[in-house]
């Protein structure tokens, strides 16, 4: 069972999506904790449907409307995205807004150690990941019509305030480490340096699709947290993810011999990114890293709360991920002392 009213979806698509013809079946993609995603199968082709989850949601969360807008805006840029077809904002169809996009065939890598690949292949994949990240941050906001995709002003001031509020609204335990981390970030917001770019918001290897038989990225997925902001938030998120345990849940590289595997060091990835964008070496990177740990802790706390409330896409996995909240909070506090 997909949990999706395929008859209602098929009837709406028949009336609104040119070229659509049923009958329609649906398969839910496993794993994701945010917006439930389904493969829609028809006799002639397949699509992907992404919807808001049911239940009471935090303000601004699960914004499939924004996901649709930004990916449509990026269609003719150097950032690879799936082709967007149509957005349905009528909640009466299946209970929440949803959008339809092409299904992109490609390879995904849940584990950043990429078992099964050769060292040169791993190196090439990370080079492509670095290239696409720089391309996202170099998107022309005027040409793509995204100048109003996020508010102006100090991005980190805004983000710290937002995620502190989100965390407080979903907290289920008293975590002194999280309280201390929020206080440190609040007191160390960097001055606005004028950089205002498109920010993906959840940039990591498992949100990228690569060519079935190559190392080119064919689609960047999961744009729910995208906005206009400061590019180092995405860069620090990559480094943060790699510090996690090399497990199915951690999806990190802790303890792995990166050189032997053909993987980049943190410093190499950051330096190549700066080269690609033609910018100076980054000062005060420890703030951006601490912020990344903090935001992930707040996100996972929300996942845990949705699982407890019965609104998560995968409740059992949501509870497991929620167990990482204290670990991210502690890692964020440690990062505040590491002057990278």
C-alpha atoms as a PDB file:
ATOM      1  CA  UNK A   1       0.000   0.000   0.000  1.00  0.00           C
ATOM      2  CA  UNK A   2       1.362   3.405  -0.978  1.00  0.00           C
ATOM      3  CA  UNK A   3      -0.891   5.436   1.328  1.00  0.00           C
ATOM      4  CA  UNK A   4      -1.705   7.705  -1.628  1.00  0.00           C
ATOM      5  CA  UNK A   5      -5.167   8.140  -3.150  1.00  0.00           C
ATOM      6  CA  UNK A   6      -4.118   7.228  -6.688  1.00  0.00           C
ATOM      7  CA  UNK A   7      -7.643   7.578  -8.081  1.00  0.00           C
ATOM      8  CA  UNK A   8      -7.821  11.198  -6.913  1.00  0.00           C
ATOM      9  CA  UNK A   9      -4.321  11.930  -8.236  1.00  0.00           C
ATOM     10  CA  UNK A  10      -5.065  10.315 -11.597  1.00  0.00           C
ATOM     11  CA  UNK A  11      -8.309  12.236 -12.009  1.00  0.00           C
ATOM     12  CA  UNK A  12      -6.619  15.549 -11.218  1.00  0.00           C
ATOM     13  CA  UNK A  13      -3.653  14.864 -13.521  1.00  0.00           C
ATOM     14  CA  UNK A  14      -5.938  13.816 -16.362  1.00  0.00           C
ATOM     15  CA  UNK A  15      -7.566  17.242 -16.155  1.00  0.00           C
ATOM     16  CA  UNK A  16      -4.414  19.325 -15.580  1.00  0.00           C
ATOM     17  CA  UNK A  17      -1.274  17.604 -16.941  1.00  0.00           C
ATOM     18  CA  UNK A  18      -0.990  17.496 -20.745  1.00  0.00           C
ATOM     19  CA  UNK A  19      -0.092  14.055 -22.035  1.00  0.00           C
ATOM     20  CA  UNK A  20      -1.029  12.216 -18.850  1.00  0.00           C
ATOM     21  CA  UNK A  21      -2.899   8.943 -19.334  1.00  0.00           C
ATOM     22  CA  UNK A  22      -3.714   6.328 -16.704  1.00  0.00           C
ATOM     23  CA  UNK A  23      -4.231   3.885 -15.200  1.00  0.00           C
ATOM     24  CA  UNK A  24      -1.928   4.921 -12.374  1.00  0.00           C
ATOM     25  CA  UNK A  25      -0.152   2.961  -9.658  1.00  0.00           C
ATOM     26  CA  UNK A  26       2.131   4.366  -6.958  1.00  0.00           C
ATOM     27  CA  UNK A  27       5.152   3.169  -4.998  1.00  0.00           C
ATOM     28  CA  UNK A  28       6.362   5.098  -1.987  1.00  0.00           C
ATOM     29  CA  UNK A  29      10.082   5.767  -1.805  1.00  0.00           C
ATOM     30  CA  UNK A  30      11.521   4.579   1.506  1.00  0.00           C
ATOM     31  CA  UNK A  31      13.843   6.436   3.817  1.00  0.00           C
ATOM     32  CA  UNK A  32      12.993  10.127   3.600  1.00  0.00           C
ATOM     33  CA  UNK A  33      11.845  11.848   6.784  1.00  0.00           C
ATOM     34  CA  UNK A  34      10.470  15.015   5.274  1.00  0.00           C
ATOM     35  CA  UNK A  35       8.043  15.230   2.374  1.00  0.00           C
ATOM     36  CA  UNK A  36       6.612  11.817   1.380  1.00  0.00           C
ATOM     37  CA  UNK A  37       7.675  10.947  -2.168  1.00  0.00           C
ATOM     38  CA  UNK A  38       6.149   8.445  -4.596  1.00  0.00           C
ATOM     39  CA  UNK A  39       6.924   6.930  -7.977  1.00  0.00           C
ATOM     40  CA  UNK A  40       3.830   7.214 -10.202  1.00  0.00           C
ATOM     41  CA  UNK A  41       3.684   4.520 -12.859  1.00  0.00           C
ATOM     42  CA  UNK A  42       1.534   4.718 -15.994  1.00  0.00           C
ATOM     43  CA  UNK A  43       1.506   2.467 -19.080  1.00  0.00           C
ATOM     44  CA  UNK A  44       3.783   4.853 -20.984  1.00  0.00           C
ATOM     45  CA  UNK A  45       6.014   6.579 -18.428  1.00  0.00           C
ATOM     46  CA  UNK A  46       6.719   7.225 -14.772  1.00  0.00           C
ATOM     47  CA  UNK A  47       6.654  10.428 -12.747  1.00  0.00           C
ATOM     48  CA  UNK A  48       7.528  11.383  -9.189  1.00  0.00           C
ATOM     49  CA  UNK A  49       5.019  12.968  -6.796  1.00  0.00           C
ATOM     50  CA  UNK A  50       6.198  14.850  -3.725  1.00  0.00           C
ATOM     51  CA  UNK A  51       3.716  16.060  -1.119  1.00  0.00           C
ATOM     52  CA  UNK A  52       3.543  17.671   2.293  1.00  0.00           C
ATOM     53  CA  UNK A  53       3.039  15.159   5.116  1.00  0.00           C
ATOM     54  CA  UNK A  54      -0.354  15.056   6.802  1.00  0.00           C
ATOM     55  CA  UNK A  55      -1.036  16.472  10.241  1.00  0.00           C
ATOM     56  CA  UNK A  56      -0.184  19.709  12.011  1.00  0.00           C
ATOM     57  CA  UNK A  57       3.038  21.216  10.636  1.00  0.00           C
ATOM     58  CA  UNK A  58       5.359  23.929  11.851  1.00  0.00           C
ATOM     59  CA  UNK A  59       5.068  27.235  10.050  1.00  0.00           C
ATOM     60  CA  UNK A  60       7.192  27.318   6.852  1.00  0.00           C
ATOM     61  CA  UNK A  61       8.043  23.601   7.125  1.00  0.00           C
ATOM     62  CA  UNK A  62       7.649  21.095   4.265  1.00  0.00           C
ATOM     63  CA  UNK A  63       7.188  23.822   1.653  1.00  0.00           C
ATOM     64  CA  UNK A  64       6.684  21.775  -1.508  1.00  0.00           C
ATOM     65  CA  UNK A  65       5.567  24.964  -3.242  1.00  0.00           C
ATOM     66  CA  UNK A  66       9.070  26.403  -2.760  1.00  0.00           C
ATOM     67  CA  UNK A  67      10.691  23.155  -3.883  1.00  0.00           C
ATOM     68  CA  UNK A  68       8.694  23.303  -7.091  1.00  0.00           C
ATOM     69  CA  UNK A  69       9.498  26.954  -7.712  1.00  0.00           C
ATOM     70  CA  UNK A  70      13.255  26.732  -7.230  1.00  0.00           C
ATOM     71  CA  UNK A  71      13.689  23.593  -9.323  1.00  0.00           C
ATOM     72  CA  UNK A  72      11.636  25.062 -12.146  1.00  0.00           C
ATOM     73  CA  UNK A  73      13.784  28.221 -11.988  1.00  0.00           C
ATOM     74  CA  UNK A  74      16.959  26.132 -12.284  1.00  0.00           C
ATOM     75  CA  UNK A  75      15.850  24.170 -15.377  1.00  0.00           C
ATOM     76  CA  UNK A  76      18.142  26.002 -17.791  1.00  0.00           C
ATOM     77  CA  UNK A  77      21.118  26.572 -15.499  1.00  0.00           C
ATOM     78  CA  UNK A  78      24.243  24.511 -14.847  1.00  0.00           C
ATOM     79  CA  UNK A  79      22.611  23.074 -11.707  1.00  0.00           C
ATOM     80  CA  UNK A  80      21.111  19.661 -12.602  1.00  0.00           C
ATOM     81  CA  UNK A  81      17.517  19.227 -11.446  1.00  0.00           C
ATOM     82  CA  UNK A  82      14.543  17.091 -12.421  1.00  0.00           C
ATOM     83  CA  UNK A  83      12.064  18.616 -14.854  1.00  0.00           C
ATOM     84  CA  UNK A  84       9.086  20.072 -13.025  1.00  0.00           C
ATOM     85  CA  UNK A  85       5.625  19.428 -14.473  1.00  0.00           C
ATOM     86  CA  UNK A  86       2.846  20.819 -12.291  1.00  0.00           C
ATOM     87  CA  UNK A  87       2.057  22.011  -8.762  1.00  0.00           C
ATOM     88  CA  UNK A  88      -1.260  21.309  -7.044  1.00  0.00           C
ATOM     89  CA  UNK A  89      -2.051  23.632  -4.148  1.00  0.00           C
ATOM     90  CA  UNK A  90      -5.632  22.360  -3.775  1.00  0.00           C
ATOM     91  CA  UNK A  91      -5.596  20.437  -0.491  1.00  0.00           C
ATOM     92  CA  UNK A  92      -8.949  18.840  -1.272  1.00  0.00           C
ATOM     93  CA  UNK A  93      -7.368  16.454  -3.806  1.00  0.00           C
ATOM     94  CA  UNK A  94      -5.222  14.327  -1.456  1.00  0.00           C
ATOM     95  CA  UNK A  95      -5.268  16.387   1.741  1.00  0.00           C
ATOM     96  CA  UNK A  96      -2.027  18.324   1.156  1.00  0.00           C
ATOM     97  CA  UNK A  97      -0.344  20.244  -1.687  1.00  0.00           C
ATOM     98  CA  UNK A  98       1.857  18.194  -4.034  1.00  0.00           C
ATOM     99  CA  UNK A  99       3.863  18.509  -7.222  1.00  0.00           C
ATOM    100  CA  UNK A 100       4.785  16.257 -10.118  1.00  0.00           C
ATOM    101  CA  UNK A 101       8.239  15.991 -11.669  1.00  0.00           C
ATOM    102  CA  UNK A 102      10.135  13.695 -13.999  1.00  0.00           C
ATOM    103  CA  UNK A 103      11.675  10.576 -12.571  1.00  0.00           C
ATOM    104  CA  UNK A 104      15.416  10.877 -13.131  1.00  0.00           C
ATOM    105  CA  UNK A 105      17.292   7.609 -13.512  1.00  0.00           C
ATOM    106  CA  UNK A 106      20.585   7.571 -11.688  1.00  0.00           C
ATOM    107  CA  UNK A 107      22.726   6.215  -8.907  1.00  0.00           C
ATOM    108  CA  UNK A 108      22.558   7.421  -5.326  1.00  0.00           C
ATOM    109  CA  UNK A 109      25.083   6.813  -2.579  1.00  0.00           C
ATOM    110  CA  UNK A 110      23.759   6.616   0.968  1.00  0.00           C
ATOM    111  CA  UNK A 111      27.256   5.986   2.344  1.00  0.00           C
ATOM    112  CA  UNK A 112      29.853   8.667   1.512  1.00  0.00           C
ATOM    113  CA  UNK A 113      32.555   5.953   1.513  1.00  0.00           C
ATOM    114  CA  UNK A 114      30.789   4.690  -1.635  1.00  0.00           C
ATOM    115  CA  UNK A 115      31.532   0.959  -1.269  1.00  0.00           C
ATOM    116  CA  UNK A 116      31.956  -0.832  -4.563  1.00  0.00           C
ATOM    117  CA  UNK A 117      33.633   2.069  -6.353  1.00  0.00           C
ATOM    118  CA  UNK A 118      37.326   2.452  -7.112  1.00  0.00           C
ATOM    119  CA  UNK A 119      39.383   5.243  -5.520  1.00  0.00           C
ATOM    120  CA  UNK A 120      39.492   7.227  -8.802  1.00  0.00           C
ATOM    121  CA  UNK A 121      35.696   6.920  -9.118  1.00  0.00           C
ATOM    122  CA  UNK A 122      35.181   8.145  -5.565  1.00  0.00           C
ATOM    123  CA  UNK A 123      37.511  11.062  -6.166  1.00  0.00           C
ATOM    124  CA  UNK A 124      35.603  11.981  -9.341  1.00  0.00           C
ATOM    125  CA  UNK A 125      32.240  11.773  -7.569  1.00  0.00           C
ATOM    126  CA  UNK A 126      33.423  14.176  -4.857  1.00  0.00           C
ATOM    127  CA  UNK A 127      34.883  16.500  -7.466  1.00  0.00           C
ATOM    128  CA  UNK A 128      31.479  16.597  -9.137  1.00  0.00           C
ATOM    129  CA  UNK A 129      29.790  17.172  -5.773  1.00  0.00           C
ATOM    130  CA  UNK A 130      32.153  20.110  -5.211  1.00  0.00           C
ATOM    131  CA  UNK A 131      31.501  21.452  -8.713  1.00  0.00           C
ATOM    132  CA  UNK A 132      27.711  21.330  -8.340  1.00  0.00           C
ATOM    133  CA  UNK A 133      27.851  23.038  -4.947  1.00  0.00           C
ATOM    134  CA  UNK A 134      29.837  25.910  -6.424  1.00  0.00           C
ATOM    135  CA  UNK A 135      27.355  26.060  -9.330  1.00  0.00           C
ATOM    136  CA  UNK A 136      24.421  26.391  -6.909  1.00  0.00           C
ATOM    137  CA  UNK A 137      26.116  29.292  -5.171  1.00  0.00           C
ATOM    138  CA  UNK A 138      26.945  30.973  -8.475  1.00  0.00           C
ATOM    139  CA  UNK A 139      23.367  30.881  -9.814  1.00  0.00           C
ATOM    140  CA  UNK A 140      22.320  34.257 -11.263  1.00  0.00           C
ATOM    141  CA  UNK A 141      19.400  35.253  -9.052  1.00  0.00           C
ATOM    142  CA  UNK A 142      18.168  37.911 -11.463  1.00  0.00           C
ATOM    143  CA  UNK A 143      18.225  35.664 -14.524  1.00  0.00           C
ATOM    144  CA  UNK A 144      16.415  32.855 -12.679  1.00  0.00           C
ATOM    145  CA  UNK A 145      13.845  35.161 -11.083  1.00  0.00           C
ATOM    146  CA  UNK A 146      14.895  34.152  -7.576  1.00  0.00           C
ATOM    147  CA  UNK A 147      15.816  37.550  -6.133  1.00  0.00           C
ATOM    148  CA  UNK A 148      12.830  37.322  -3.762  1.00  0.00           C
ATOM    149  CA  UNK A 149      13.322  33.653  -2.841  1.00  0.00           C
ATOM    150  CA  UNK A 150      14.548  34.591   0.643  1.00  0.00           C
ATOM    151  CA  UNK A 151      14.657  37.659   2.871  1.00  0.00           C
ATOM    152  CA  UNK A 152      17.580  40.049   2.948  1.00  0.00           C
ATOM    153  CA  UNK A 153      19.693  40.770   6.004  1.00  0.00           C
ATOM    154  CA  UNK A 154      22.041  38.647   8.083  1.00  0.00           C
ATOM    155  CA  UNK A 155      21.364  35.031   7.122  1.00  0.00           C
ATOM    156  CA  UNK A 156      22.839  33.514  10.279  1.00  0.00           C
ATOM    157  CA  UNK A 157      20.939  35.856  12.566  1.00  0.00           C
ATOM    158  CA  UNK A 158      17.759  34.810  10.833  1.00  0.00           C
ATOM    159  CA  UNK A 159      18.614  31.101  10.795  1.00  0.00           C
ATOM    160  CA  UNK A 160      19.718  30.912  14.415  1.00  0.00           C
ATOM    161  CA  UNK A 161      16.519  32.629  15.493  1.00  0.00           C
ATOM    162  CA  UNK A 162      14.406  30.349  13.312  1.00  0.00           C
ATOM    163  CA  UNK A 163      15.939  27.063  14.394  1.00  0.00           C
ATOM    164  CA  UNK A 164      16.039  28.042  18.048  1.00  0.00           C
ATOM    165  CA  UNK A 165      12.298  28.625  17.804  1.00  0.00           C
ATOM    166  CA  UNK A 166      11.755  25.370  15.875  1.00  0.00           C
ATOM    167  CA  UNK A 167      13.788  23.394  18.389  1.00  0.00           C
ATOM    168  CA  UNK A 168      11.989  24.924  21.350  1.00  0.00           C
ATOM    169  CA  UNK A 169       8.626  24.137  19.753  1.00  0.00           C
ATOM    170  CA  UNK A 170       9.507  20.449  19.277  1.00  0.00           C
ATOM    171  CA  UNK A 171      11.758  19.737  22.289  1.00  0.00           C
ATOM    172  CA  UNK A 172      11.006  16.538  24.187  1.00  0.00           C
ATOM    173  CA  UNK A 173      13.998  16.432  26.562  1.00  0.00           C
ATOM    174  CA  UNK A 174      16.141  18.840  28.535  1.00  0.00           C
ATOM    175  CA  UNK A 175      19.518  18.987  26.737  1.00  0.00           C
ATOM    176  CA  UNK A 176      22.011  21.346  28.416  1.00  0.00           C
ATOM    177  CA  UNK A 177      24.401  20.925  25.456  1.00  0.00           C
ATOM    178  CA  UNK A 178      21.798  22.256  23.053  1.00  0.00           C
ATOM    179  CA  UNK A 179      21.001  25.166  25.343  1.00  0.00           C
ATOM    180  CA  UNK A 180      24.706  26.047  25.562  1.00  0.00           C
ATOM    181  CA  UNK A 181      25.200  25.717  21.804  1.00  0.00           C
ATOM    182  CA  UNK A 182      22.258  27.989  21.041  1.00  0.00           C
ATOM    183  CA  UNK A 183      23.618  30.594  23.463  1.00  0.00           C
ATOM    184  CA  UNK A 184      27.104  30.472  21.872  1.00  0.00           C
ATOM    185  CA  UNK A 185      25.757  30.849  18.348  1.00  0.00           C
ATOM    186  CA  UNK A 186      23.521  33.712  19.406  1.00  0.00           C
ATOM    187  CA  UNK A 187      26.558  35.546  20.799  1.00  0.00           C
ATOM    188  CA  UNK A 188      28.885  34.863  17.838  1.00  0.00           C
ATOM    189  CA  UNK A 189      26.829  35.695  14.738  1.00  0.00           C
ATOM    190  CA  UNK A 190      29.349  36.917  12.117  1.00  0.00           C
ATOM    191  CA  UNK A 191      28.841  40.285  10.488  1.00  0.00           C
ATOM    192  CA  UNK A 192      27.084  40.220   7.135  1.00  0.00           C
ATOM    193  CA  UNK A 193      29.840  40.007   4.487  1.00  0.00           C
ATOM    194  CA  UNK A 194      27.522  40.751   1.574  1.00  0.00           C
ATOM    195  CA  UNK A 195      27.384  37.212   0.177  1.00  0.00           C
ATOM    196  CA  UNK A 196      23.796  36.353  -0.729  1.00  0.00           C
ATOM    197  CA  UNK A 197      23.352  33.279  -2.883  1.00  0.00           C
ATOM    198  CA  UNK A 198      20.983  30.420  -3.484  1.00  0.00           C
ATOM    199  CA  UNK A 199      21.451  27.926  -0.630  1.00  0.00           C
ATOM    200  CA  UNK A 200      20.298  24.316  -0.952  1.00  0.00           C
ATOM    201  CA  UNK A 201      19.901  23.795   2.777  1.00  0.00           C
ATOM    202  CA  UNK A 202      20.462  20.018   2.854  1.00  0.00           C
ATOM    203  CA  UNK A 203      23.423  19.490   0.556  1.00  0.00           C
ATOM    204  CA  UNK A 204      24.956  16.051   1.018  1.00  0.00           C
ATOM    205  CA  UNK A 205      25.911  13.100  -1.141  1.00  0.00           C
ATOM    206  CA  UNK A 206      22.688  11.133  -0.677  1.00  0.00           C
ATOM    207  CA  UNK A 207      20.651  14.066  -2.021  1.00  0.00           C
ATOM    208  CA  UNK A 208      22.442  13.843  -5.369  1.00  0.00           C
ATOM    209  CA  UNK A 209      21.779  11.477  -8.263  1.00  0.00           C
ATOM    210  CA  UNK A 210      24.664  10.465 -10.515  1.00  0.00           C
ATOM    211  CA  UNK A 211      24.673   9.043 -14.032  1.00  0.00           C
ATOM    212  CA  UNK A 212      23.987   5.286 -14.115  1.00  0.00           C
ATOM    213  CA  UNK A 213      27.365   4.618 -15.713  1.00  0.00           C
ATOM    214  CA  UNK A 214      29.396   7.723 -14.966  1.00  0.00           C
ATOM    215  CA  UNK A 215      30.266  10.332 -12.379  1.00  0.00           C
ATOM    216  CA  UNK A 216      28.213  13.271 -13.672  1.00  0.00           C
ATOM    217  CA  UNK A 217      25.506  14.545 -11.335  1.00  0.00           C
ATOM    218  CA  UNK A 218      22.138  14.275 -13.103  1.00  0.00           C
ATOM    219  CA  UNK A 219      19.901  15.777 -10.396  1.00  0.00           C
ATOM    220  CA  UNK A 220      20.083  17.571  -7.061  1.00  0.00           C
ATOM    221  CA  UNK A 221      17.138  16.461  -4.922  1.00  0.00           C
ATOM    222  CA  UNK A 222      15.276  17.628  -1.793  1.00  0.00           C
ATOM    223  CA  UNK A 223      15.154  21.429  -2.025  1.00  0.00           C
ATOM    224  CA  UNK A 224      12.738  21.822   0.897  1.00  0.00           C
ATOM    225  CA  UNK A 225      15.161  23.906   2.989  1.00  0.00           C
ATOM    226  CA  UNK A 226      16.476  26.024   0.121  1.00  0.00           C
ATOM    227  CA  UNK A 227      16.470  29.796   0.400  1.00  0.00           C
ATOM    228  CA  UNK A 228      18.643  32.808  -0.281  1.00  0.00           C
ATOM    229  CA  UNK A 229      21.388  33.033   2.268  1.00  0.00           C
ATOM    230  CA  UNK A 230      25.045  32.513   2.968  1.00  0.00           C
ATOM    231  CA  UNK A 231      26.866  29.858   0.915  1.00  0.00           C
ATOM    232  CA  UNK A 232      29.150  28.638   3.698  1.00  0.00           C
ATOM    233  CA  UNK A 233      26.147  27.037   5.393  1.00  0.00           C
ATOM    234  CA  UNK A 234      25.988  24.444   2.596  1.00  0.00           C
ATOM    235  CA  UNK A 235      29.754  23.961   2.564  1.00  0.00           C
ATOM    236  CA  UNK A 236      29.933  23.455   6.323  1.00  0.00           C
ATOM    237  CA  UNK A 237      27.025  20.994   6.142  1.00  0.00           C
ATOM    238  CA  UNK A 238      29.109  18.729   3.898  1.00  0.00           C
ATOM    239  CA  UNK A 239      32.021  18.793   6.335  1.00  0.00           C
ATOM    240  CA  UNK A 240      29.667  18.226   9.254  1.00  0.00           C
ATOM    241  CA  UNK A 241      28.104  15.179   7.594  1.00  0.00           C
ATOM    242  CA  UNK A 242      31.473  13.570   6.958  1.00  0.00           C
ATOM    243  CA  UNK A 243      32.314  13.762  10.681  1.00  0.00           C
ATOM    244  CA  UNK A 244      29.399  11.490  11.523  1.00  0.00           C
ATOM    245  CA  UNK A 245      29.756   7.719  12.147  1.00  0.00           C
ATOM    246  CA  UNK A 246      30.184   5.581   9.034  1.00  0.00           C
ATOM    247  CA  UNK A 247      26.893   3.764   9.658  1.00  0.00           C
ATOM    248  CA  UNK A 248      23.585   3.506   7.832  1.00  0.00           C
ATOM    249  CA  UNK A 249      22.089   6.172  10.095  1.00  0.00           C
ATOM    250  CA  UNK A 250      25.186   8.354  10.551  1.00  0.00           C
ATOM    251  CA  UNK A 251      26.118   8.404   6.839  1.00  0.00           C
ATOM    252  CA  UNK A 252      29.518   9.837   7.693  1.00  0.00           C
ATOM    253  CA  UNK A 253      33.204   9.040   7.279  1.00  0.00           C
ATOM    254  CA  UNK A 254      34.396   8.910  10.897  1.00  0.00           C
ATOM    255  CA  UNK A 255      37.170   6.320  11.189  1.00  0.00           C
ATOM    256  CA  UNK A 256      37.486   5.758   7.434  1.00  0.00           C
ATOM    257  CA  UNK A 257      40.900   5.945   5.733  1.00  0.00           C
ATOM    258  CA  UNK A 258      39.964   8.667   3.278  1.00  0.00           C
ATOM    259  CA  UNK A 259      43.285   8.719   1.425  1.00  0.00           C
ATOM    260  CA  UNK A 260      43.185   4.956   0.799  1.00  0.00           C
ATOM    261  CA  UNK A 261      39.595   5.211  -0.447  1.00  0.00           C
ATOM    262  CA  UNK A 262      40.343   8.092  -2.800  1.00  0.00           C
ATOM    263  CA  UNK A 263      38.229  10.498  -0.745  1.00  0.00           C
ATOM    264  CA  UNK A 264      39.026  14.148  -0.145  1.00  0.00           C
ATOM    265  CA  UNK A 265      40.045  15.624   3.165  1.00  0.00           C
ATOM    266  CA  UNK A 266      37.911  18.417   4.621  1.00  0.00           C
ATOM    267  CA  UNK A 267      40.630  20.949   3.805  1.00  0.00           C
ATOM    268  CA  UNK A 268      40.900  19.754   0.187  1.00  0.00           C
ATOM    269  CA  UNK A 269      37.164  20.017  -0.371  1.00  0.00           C
ATOM    270  CA  UNK A 270      37.017  23.538   1.101  1.00  0.00           C
ATOM    271  CA  UNK A 271      40.087  24.718  -0.837  1.00  0.00           C
ATOM    272  CA  UNK A 272      38.775  23.381  -4.171  1.00  0.00           C
ATOM    273  CA  UNK A 273      35.405  25.025  -3.539  1.00  0.00           C
ATOM    274  CA  UNK A 274      37.101  28.385  -2.930  1.00  0.00           C
ATOM    275  CA  UNK A 275      39.157  27.942  -6.103  1.00  0.00           C
ATOM    276  CA  UNK A 276      36.061  27.200  -8.151  1.00  0.00           C
ATOM    277  CA  UNK A 277      34.265  30.269  -6.871  1.00  0.00           C
ATOM    278  CA  UNK A 278      37.329  32.516  -7.023  1.00  0.00           C
ATOM    279  CA  UNK A 279      37.119  33.486  -3.359  1.00  0.00           C
ATOM    280  CA  UNK A 280      39.714  33.848  -0.605  1.00  0.00           C
ATOM    281  CA  UNK A 281      40.311  31.133   2.017  1.00  0.00           C
ATOM    282  CA  UNK A 282      37.529  31.120   4.599  1.00  0.00           C
ATOM    283  CA  UNK A 283      38.173  32.588   8.030  1.00  0.00           C
ATOM    284  CA  UNK A 284      36.239  31.568  11.123  1.00  0.00           C
ATOM    285  CA  UNK A 285      34.961  28.345   9.607  1.00  0.00           C
ATOM    286  CA  UNK A 286      34.316  26.960  13.107  1.00  0.00           C
ATOM    287  CA  UNK A 287      31.207  29.130  13.413  1.00  0.00           C
ATOM    288  CA  UNK A 288      29.704  27.748  10.199  1.00  0.00           C
ATOM    289  CA  UNK A 289      30.479  24.195  11.315  1.00  0.00           C
ATOM    290  CA  UNK A 290      28.973  24.705  14.781  1.00  0.00           C
ATOM    291  CA  UNK A 291      25.893  26.203  13.132  1.00  0.00           C
ATOM    292  CA  UNK A 292      25.554  23.139  10.884  1.00  0.00           C
ATOM    293  CA  UNK A 293      25.574  20.778  13.863  1.00  0.00           C
ATOM    294  CA  UNK A 294      23.034  22.964  15.650  1.00  0.00           C
ATOM    295  CA  UNK A 295      20.659  23.131  12.718  1.00  0.00           C
ATOM    296  CA  UNK A 296      20.828  19.377  12.139  1.00  0.00           C
ATOM    297  CA  UNK A 297      20.083  18.779  15.811  1.00  0.00           C
ATOM    298  CA  UNK A 298      17.032  21.033  15.506  1.00  0.00           C
ATOM    299  CA  UNK A 299      15.893  19.284  12.321  1.00  0.00           C
ATOM    300  CA  UNK A 300      16.229  15.819  13.858  1.00  0.00           C
ATOM    301  CA  UNK A 301      14.374  16.977  16.944  1.00  0.00           C
ATOM    302  CA  UNK A 302      11.509  17.922  14.636  1.00  0.00           C
ATOM    303  CA  UNK A 303      11.705  14.496  12.998  1.00  0.00           C
ATOM    304  CA  UNK A 304      11.553  12.858  16.427  1.00  0.00           C
ATOM    305  CA  UNK A 305       8.574  14.962  17.461  1.00  0.00           C
ATOM    306  CA  UNK A 306       6.680  14.111  14.253  1.00  0.00           C
ATOM    307  CA  UNK A 307       7.387  10.412  14.867  1.00  0.00           C
ATOM    308  CA  UNK A 308       6.057  10.663  18.413  1.00  0.00           C
ATOM    309  CA  UNK A 309       2.992  12.535  17.142  1.00  0.00           C
ATOM    310  CA  UNK A 310       2.370   9.969  14.400  1.00  0.00           C
ATOM    311  CA  UNK A 311       3.016  12.345  11.488  1.00  0.00           C
ATOM    312  CA  UNK A 312       6.438  11.101  10.307  1.00  0.00           C
ATOM    313  CA  UNK A 313       6.941   9.550   6.872  1.00  0.00           C
ATOM    314  CA  UNK A 314       8.776   6.644   8.566  1.00  0.00           C
ATOM    315  CA  UNK A 315       8.051   6.782  12.343  1.00  0.00           C
ATOM    316  CA  UNK A 316      10.450   4.018  13.413  1.00  0.00           C
ATOM    317  CA  UNK A 317      13.353   5.578  11.553  1.00  0.00           C
ATOM    318  CA  UNK A 318      12.325   8.987  12.828  1.00  0.00           C
ATOM    319  CA  UNK A 319      12.716   7.813  16.401  1.00  0.00           C
ATOM    320  CA  UNK A 320      16.124   6.325  15.630  1.00  0.00           C
ATOM    321  CA  UNK A 321      17.289   9.557  14.020  1.00  0.00           C
ATOM    322  CA  UNK A 322      16.002  11.495  16.997  1.00  0.00           C
ATOM    323  CA  UNK A 323      18.526   9.671  19.150  1.00  0.00           C
ATOM    324  CA  UNK A 324      21.272  11.621  17.371  1.00  0.00           C
ATOM    325  CA  UNK A 325      20.103  15.003  18.666  1.00  0.00           C
ATOM    326  CA  UNK A 326      22.369  15.010  21.750  1.00  0.00           C
ATOM    327  CA  UNK A 327      25.317  13.854  19.627  1.00  0.00           C
ATOM    328  CA  UNK A 328      24.899  16.728  17.192  1.00  0.00           C
ATOM    329  CA  UNK A 329      24.559  19.193  20.052  1.00  0.00           C
ATOM    330  CA  UNK A 330      27.779  17.935  21.659  1.00  0.00           C
ATOM    331  CA  UNK A 331      29.618  18.014  18.333  1.00  0.00           C
ATOM    332  CA  UNK A 332      28.445  21.579  17.769  1.00  0.00           C
ATOM    333  CA  UNK A 333      29.823  22.635  21.142  1.00  0.00           C
ATOM    334  CA  UNK A 334      33.136  20.957  20.322  1.00  0.00           C
ATOM    335  CA  UNK A 335      33.287  22.777  16.988  1.00  0.00           C
ATOM    336  CA  UNK A 336      33.017  26.147  18.763  1.00  0.00           C
ATOM    337  CA  UNK A 337      36.416  25.466  20.297  1.00  0.00           C
ATOM    338  CA  UNK A 338      38.078  24.346  17.056  1.00  0.00           C
ATOM    339  CA  UNK A 339      39.411  27.391  15.217  1.00  0.00           C
ATOM    340  CA  UNK A 340      39.439  25.878  11.729  1.00  0.00           C
END
